[in-house]
């Protein structure tokens, strides 16, 4: 009998619903042609990377010093890159951090798993607010902690604080938030952030142990209506770790680059940063991709042409609400959260496949009865899909 880790075996044998739907789309495209499949499953950026990034990569590749360009950086990341990130954060948010508070990572997933490994011990609890990215559960379980889910507030998709207060306890080591949110695209209001941070301060004092706030921010730059209102969490709560990724803002998800920023106002900030470095070491995440660390320096704070996503959002939201779908209005990211016209969202997704529309049911996001539409696709594909969406909703009338 095999003695391998059965939990890992199970994860390897069953894809996430997002990836499963994406693979179905690839198979269906071979049957009827890619142009006839309306695949809204995967949050894969669809706009080109900024030309300046391509230029910088080419410049580095032609610099004649390939050993330096492709060699190891410091374990926590290249010092010039960390300094440039800290400078940009301070310029934008006056957070007062330094390069020694930044740890470079292989994207947001690594940022989250390293942070969780650094902060938690087996048996600790981590709270997430539904709906949430499904891999949070995998990441939390992998470090021996327990994920506790606060049910969704489906009226505003902010935070149900009554439910939160019932679940937070002495075992709570960290709280994860994600704004703009995947899968809803909703931005947490400053009022929500202030209330959350007040509770965390009170509970940390009550428990005489910090409850850390992990803010998952791959979509920070993708805000279309309320960019000036997106709070920087370090300025509201000292025990904050910011997990950032360049994947969505610069359209480079395959190049795996992000960082963790540890707020240096937390009382044990140097110990926490050391734990982050140790967790990166233990998980094998030492030294994020060297070429990308160097190439990204002049692009920090910049984005791809995200106006395309705003155009897609306005087109899709406008058309679907006109047809009779009930949609959550997204201020950011590139997702539309749509209420299923029947109680079982999975059954709705199966029916949508008859029209070659590929959607992701919300069950794995911790909020049943909705579907996620990733509109990071070509505008032309959205336009072609609209008649199919109309026929789909009419089939319920």
Foldseek 3Di string as FASTA:
>chain_A
DDPDDVVVVVPVVDDDLLVVLVVVLVVVCVVPNNLQFAEQRDQFFQFAFPVLLVVLLVCLVPVPCVCQLFDFAFQQAHQLLLQLQVVVCCVVAVLPAGSLQKGKFQFLVRLVLLLLLLFDAAAAEEEEEPLADLCVQVSNVVNNYHYDYQYAPVVAREHPVVSVVVPDDLSQQEYEDEPVGPPALAGHFPVSLLVVQVVQVVRCVVNVHHHAYEYRYQWLVFFAPPNVGRHDNCVRHQRYKYWYGCCHFRSPNVQGITMIGHRPVPPCRVSSSVSSSVSCVVVVGGGRRSNCSVSCSVVVPHGGPSVQLVVLLCVLVVLLVVLPWDWRRRRGRQKIKTFQPDQAQVVLQVLLVVSSYHWAASVSSNHHGIIIGRSSHGSVSVVVCSVSSSVSVVVSD
